[in-house]
C-alpha cells in the first residue's frame, strides 16, 4: 500500500537505499515524493527526495516542534530508535 499526501512531521523508516533502516522525518513533499531529513546526514536545509515505496510510517505521533533545528530533530529520532520505534 502506497501512502500519498505525506504530512509534515511524520516519522518514517527507510526500507531501501543507503539509508535503509534509518528513521527519518518528512519535512515536505515535492512532485508526490516526500522530502525527508534526519538532522545529521540529511540536515533540514538539504532534504532528500525519497520514493514513497521505500518508506514505512513507524510512529503515530508527528514531530513538528523538533523541526526547529537539526539537533532537536536528531535527538528526537534517536529517542524514538532507542525505545523501539513506538
Protein backbone atom coordinates (compact mmCIF):
# COMPACT_ATOMS: atom_id res chain seq x y z
CA UNK A 1 0.00 0.00 0.00
CA UNK A 2 1.47 3.31 -1.08
CA UNK A 3 0.80 6.35 1.03
CA UNK A 4 0.07 9.64 -0.67
CA UNK A 5 -0.15 13.10 0.83
CA UNK A 6 2.76 12.89 3.28
CA UNK A 7 2.13 15.02 6.36
CA UNK A 8 4.95 17.23 7.58
CA UNK A 9 6.45 15.80 10.75
CA UNK A 10 5.57 12.16 10.02
CA UNK A 11 8.24 9.74 11.21
CA UNK A 12 9.20 7.04 8.71
CA UNK A 13 11.75 4.28 8.38
CA UNK A 14 13.73 3.85 5.19
CA UNK A 15 13.19 0.43 3.62
CA UNK A 16 15.73 0.73 0.78
CA UNK A 17 18.81 2.61 -0.25
CA UNK A 18 21.95 3.70 1.54
CA UNK A 19 19.88 4.89 4.48
CA UNK A 20 18.00 1.57 4.88
CA UNK A 21 16.80 1.11 8.47
CA UNK A 22 17.25 4.77 9.42
CA UNK A 23 14.47 6.80 10.99
CA UNK A 24 13.66 9.95 9.06
CA UNK A 25 11.21 12.81 9.36
CA UNK A 26 9.09 14.05 6.47
CA UNK A 27 9.62 17.79 6.06
CA UNK A 28 7.67 18.35 2.87
CA UNK A 29 6.57 16.94 -0.45
CA UNK A 30 7.68 17.70 -3.99
CA UNK A 31 6.06 16.17 -7.04
CA UNK A 32 4.38 13.44 -4.99
CA UNK A 33 7.68 12.39 -3.42
CA UNK A 34 8.28 13.05 0.27
CA UNK A 35 11.28 15.10 1.34
CA UNK A 36 12.99 13.53 4.35
CA UNK A 37 15.67 14.61 6.84
CA UNK A 38 17.45 13.05 9.79
CA UNK A 39 19.27 16.11 11.14
CA UNK A 40 22.75 14.68 10.51
CA UNK A 41 23.39 13.07 7.11
CA UNK A 42 20.41 14.97 5.74
CA UNK A 43 20.03 18.32 7.51
CA UNK A 44 16.83 20.35 7.29
CA UNK A 45 18.47 22.69 4.78
CA UNK A 46 19.15 19.80 2.38
CA UNK A 47 16.25 17.30 2.43
CA UNK A 48 16.32 14.15 0.29
CA UNK A 49 13.57 13.18 -2.13
CA UNK A 50 12.61 9.60 -1.38
CA UNK A 51 10.44 7.16 -3.31
CA UNK A 52 7.27 6.60 -1.24
CA UNK A 53 7.56 2.84 -1.81
CA UNK A 54 10.83 2.93 0.13
CA UNK A 55 9.30 4.44 3.28
CA UNK A 56 7.20 2.98 6.06
CA UNK A 57 5.48 5.17 8.68
CA UNK A 58 6.56 4.00 12.15
CA UNK A 59 5.04 6.32 14.71
CA UNK A 60 1.52 7.52 15.24
CA UNK A 61 2.87 10.79 16.62
CA UNK A 62 4.27 13.56 14.47
CA UNK A 63 7.28 15.72 15.15
CA UNK A 64 6.61 19.35 14.43
CA UNK A 65 8.36 21.23 17.20
CA UNK A 66 11.51 19.16 16.56
CA UNK A 67 11.76 20.66 13.08
CA UNK A 68 13.15 23.85 14.63
CA UNK A 69 16.68 22.60 14.20
CA UNK A 70 18.90 19.69 13.26
CA UNK A 71 19.99 18.97 16.83
CA UNK A 72 16.42 18.75 18.13
CA UNK A 73 15.39 16.53 15.22
CA UNK A 74 18.38 14.22 15.68
CA UNK A 75 17.71 13.93 19.43
CA UNK A 76 14.03 13.10 18.87
CA UNK A 77 14.81 10.45 16.24
CA UNK A 78 17.47 8.89 18.47
CA UNK A 79 14.99 8.69 21.37
CA UNK A 80 12.44 7.04 19.09
CA UNK A 81 15.00 4.49 17.90
CA UNK A 82 16.10 3.78 21.47
CA UNK A 83 12.61 2.96 22.65
CA UNK A 84 11.93 0.63 19.74
CA UNK A 85 10.04 2.85 17.29
CA UNK A 86 6.70 3.02 19.00
